[in-house]
N, C-alpha and C. Protein backbone atom coordinates (compact mmCIF):
# COMPACT_ATOMS: atom_id res chain seq x y z
N MET A 1 0.97 -0.64 -0.41
CA MET A 1 0.37 0.31 0.16
C MET A 1 1.02 1.02 0.04
N ILE A 2 0.60 1.70 -0.82
CA ILE A 2 1.24 3.03 -0.90
C ILE A 2 0.80 4.10 -0.26
N ALA A 3 1.62 5.19 0.85
CA ALA A 3 1.59 5.92 2.00
C ALA A 3 0.36 7.61 1.18
N PRO A 4 -0.21 8.12 1.17
CA PRO A 4 -0.28 9.31 0.59
C PRO A 4 0.63 10.56 1.40
N SER A 5 0.77 10.75 0.25
CA SER A 5 1.79 12.28 0.58
C SER A 5 1.28 13.36 -0.31
N CYS A 6 1.83 15.17 0.51
CA CYS A 6 1.41 16.05 -0.29
C CYS A 6 2.89 16.50 -1.58
N CYS A 7 3.50 15.93 -1.06
CA CYS A 7 5.10 15.86 -2.43
C CYS A 7 5.24 14.47 -2.48
N PRO A 8 4.49 14.03 -3.52
CA PRO A 8 4.67 12.36 -3.96
C PRO A 8 6.10 12.22 -4.75
N TYR A 9 6.43 14.02 -5.51
CA TYR A 9 7.23 13.22 -6.59
C TYR A 9 8.97 13.49 -6.49
N THR A 10 8.84 14.08 -4.49
CA THR A 10 10.07 14.41 -3.66
C THR A 10 10.38 12.98 -2.81
N GLY A 11 9.83 12.37 -2.55
CA GLY A 11 10.14 10.80 -0.89
C GLY A 11 10.29 12.06 -0.31
N LEU A 12 9.79 13.62 -0.15
CA LEU A 12 10.91 13.89 1.56
C LEU A 12 8.77 14.79 1.69
N SER A 13 7.62 14.11 2.20
CA SER A 13 6.69 14.46 1.98
C SER A 13 6.78 15.28 3.88
N GLY A 14 7.55 14.29 4.82
CA GLY A 14 7.49 15.08 6.23
C GLY A 14 8.21 16.09 5.77
N LEU A 15 9.24 16.36 5.73
CA LEU A 15 10.10 17.84 5.51
C LEU A 15 10.21 18.75 5.04
N ILE A 16 9.33 18.47 3.78
CA ILE A 16 8.58 19.46 2.82
C ILE A 16 7.25 20.40 3.59
N CYS A 17 6.33 18.89 3.47
CA CYS A 17 5.02 19.29 4.01
C CYS A 17 4.62 18.36 4.60
N PRO A 18 4.92 18.76 6.15
CA PRO A 18 4.55 18.35 7.96
C PRO A 18 3.15 17.64 6.96
N ARG A 19 2.36 17.06 7.28
CA ARG A 19 1.77 15.14 7.11
C ARG A 19 0.29 16.29 7.99
N HIS A 20 0.09 16.76 9.01
CA HIS A 20 -0.71 17.85 9.42
C HIS A 20 -1.35 18.96 8.93
N THR A 21 -0.74 19.54 8.50
CA THR A 21 -0.83 20.91 7.64
C THR A 21 -1.44 20.82 6.76
N HIS A 22 -2.50 22.21 6.24
CA HIS A 22 -3.49 21.49 5.63
C HIS A 22 -2.81 23.17 4.17
N HIS A 23 -2.63 23.09 3.06
CA HIS A 23 -1.44 23.85 2.28
C HIS A 23 -2.36 25.11 2.39
N SER A 24 -3.41 25.49 3.20
CA SER A 24 -3.29 27.18 3.41
C SER A 24 -2.75 27.44 4.59
N GLU A 25 -2.22 26.85 5.42
CA GLU A 25 -1.80 27.11 6.29
C GLU A 25 0.01 27.33 6.28
N ILE A 26 0.21 26.46 4.80
CA ILE A 26 2.02 26.93 4.68
C ILE A 26 1.73 28.03 3.72
N LEU A 27 1.06 28.54 3.11
CA LEU A 27 0.08 29.52 2.48
C LEU A 27 0.65 31.14 3.27
N HIS A 28 0.05 30.81 4.23
CA HIS A 28 -0.56 31.58 4.97
C HIS A 28 1.06 32.17 5.84
N ILE A 29 1.80 31.38 5.86
CA ILE A 29 3.66 31.41 6.45
C ILE A 29 4.53 32.01 5.17
N VAL A 30 3.66 31.35 4.21
CA VAL A 30 4.84 31.71 3.15
C VAL A 30 5.18 33.34 3.27
N ILE A 31 3.31 33.41 3.17
CA ILE A 31 3.31 35.45 3.50
C ILE A 31 3.63 36.06 3.85
N ILE A 32 3.42 35.60 5.37
CA ILE A 32 3.24 36.57 5.84
C ILE A 32 5.11 36.73 6.00
N THR A 33 5.45 35.54 6.07
CA THR A 33 7.63 35.85 6.11
C THR A 33 7.42 36.04 4.34
N LEU A 34 7.16 36.82 3.73
CA LEU A 34 7.48 38.05 2.81
C LEU A 34 7.01 39.11 2.48
N ILE A 35 5.57 39.42 3.50
CA ILE A 35 5.80 40.98 4.00
C ILE A 35 6.56 41.21 4.95
N CYS A 36 7.44 40.11 5.61
CA CYS A 36 8.05 40.70 7.27
C CYS A 36 9.59 41.32 6.00
N ALA A 37 9.74 40.19 5.14
CA ALA A 37 10.86 41.06 4.45
C ALA A 37 10.70 41.97 3.58
N ILE A 38 9.74 42.07 2.54
CA ILE A 38 9.42 43.35 2.56
C ILE A 38 9.67 44.58 3.43
N TYR A 39 8.91 44.54 4.50
CA TYR A 39 9.01 45.48 5.31
C TYR A 39 10.01 45.41 6.13
N THR A 40 11.15 44.67 6.52
CA THR A 40 12.49 44.85 6.41
C THR A 40 13.33 45.46 5.77
N LEU A 41 12.57 45.48 4.16
CA LEU A 41 14.14 46.33 3.24
C LEU A 41 13.61 47.66 2.96
N TYR A 42 12.30 47.81 3.35
CA TYR A 42 11.89 48.93 3.29
C TYR A 42 12.49 50.05 4.95
N VAL A 43 12.63 49.34 5.95
CA VAL A 43 13.15 49.91 6.90
C VAL A 43 14.66 50.26 6.99
N VAL A 44 15.37 49.45 5.63
CA VAL A 44 16.70 49.27 6.36
C VAL A 44 16.95 50.38 4.97
N PHE A 45 16.01 50.60 3.78
CA PHE A 45 16.04 51.79 2.82
C PHE A 45 15.83 53.04 3.46
N VAL A 46 14.82 53.22 4.35
CA VAL A 46 14.53 54.96 5.36
C VAL A 46 15.50 54.87 5.86
N LEU A 47 16.52 54.38 6.54
CA LEU A 47 17.46 54.48 7.22
C LEU A 47 18.67 54.31 6.67
N ILE A 48 18.89 54.14 4.92
CA ILE A 48 20.34 54.56 5.12
C ILE A 48 19.78 55.89 3.98
N TRP A 49 18.96 55.71 3.72
CA TRP A 49 18.29 57.37 3.41
C TRP A 49 18.36 58.36 3.92
N LEU A 50 17.61 58.02 5.34
CA LEU A 50 18.39 59.16 5.94
C LEU A 50 19.48 59.90 6.38
N HIS A 51 20.42 58.40 6.49
CA HIS A 51 21.81 58.67 6.74
C HIS A 51 22.33 59.24 5.72
N LEU A 52 22.32 59.23 4.65
CA LEU A 52 22.99 59.76 3.76
C LEU A 52 22.49 61.38 3.44
N SER A 53 21.19 61.37 3.70
CA SER A 53 20.62 62.42 3.72
C SER A 53 21.21 63.41 4.04
N SER A 54 21.47 63.60 5.56
CA SER A 54 21.98 64.15 6.81
C SER A 54 23.34 64.11 6.62
N ILE A 55 24.29 63.30 5.86
CA ILE A 55 25.69 63.11 5.76
C ILE A 55 25.78 64.56 4.43
N VAL A 56 25.00 64.21 3.29
CA VAL A 56 25.14 65.21 2.28
C VAL A 56 24.65 66.94 3.01
N ILE A 57 23.69 67.06 3.40
CA ILE A 57 23.07 68.37 4.20
C ILE A 57 24.34 69.08 4.91
N ASN A 58 24.66 67.83 6.26
CA ASN A 58 25.49 68.37 7.17
C ASN A 58 27.19 68.51 6.81
N SER A 59 27.47 68.33 5.39
CA SER A 59 28.14 68.46 4.54
C SER A 59 28.55 69.97 3.11
N VAL A 60 27.26 70.05 2.92
CA VAL A 60 26.50 71.64 2.65
C VAL A 60 27.22 72.84 3.37
N SER A 61 25.97 72.30 5.04
CA SER A 61 26.44 73.71 5.54
C SER A 61 27.71 73.76 5.97
N ARG A 62 28.86 73.16 6.02
CA ARG A 62 30.13 73.14 6.87
C ARG A 62 30.21 73.95 5.86
N SER A 63 30.41 73.72 4.34
CA SER A 63 30.88 74.39 3.32
C SER A 63 30.61 75.84 3.15
N THR A 64 28.92 75.67 2.58
CA THR A 64 28.45 76.68 2.85
C THR A 64 29.14 78.23 4.35
N TYR A 65 29.03 77.48 5.26
CA TYR A 65 29.08 78.20 6.79
C TYR A 65 30.35 78.43 6.38
N GLY A 66 31.66 78.35 6.38
CA GLY A 66 33.08 77.74 6.68
C GLY A 66 33.39 76.83 7.76
N VAL A 67 32.14 76.46 8.26
CA VAL A 67 32.66 75.52 10.00
C VAL A 67 33.48 74.27 9.22
N SER A 68 34.99 74.38 9.64
CA SER A 68 35.84 73.12 9.58
C SER A 68 36.37 72.44 10.84
N LEU A 69 36.45 70.83 11.04
CA LEU A 69 36.63 70.11 12.27
C LEU A 69 37.89 70.06 12.30
């Protein structure tokens, strides 16, 4: 008798697709992971942008007003 599996061609049914989970549960986990990754990239982009803009603003103000370190 052949045991039913959700990934019949790989032979890794217990590793890739746990036996007691539904495909909708796995899909929710994938969607939440993607949302978190996109949000993390957005936060990193904003932090880098703020850092670079502060460097540009400080360098312009130093050269305009003649302030040296």
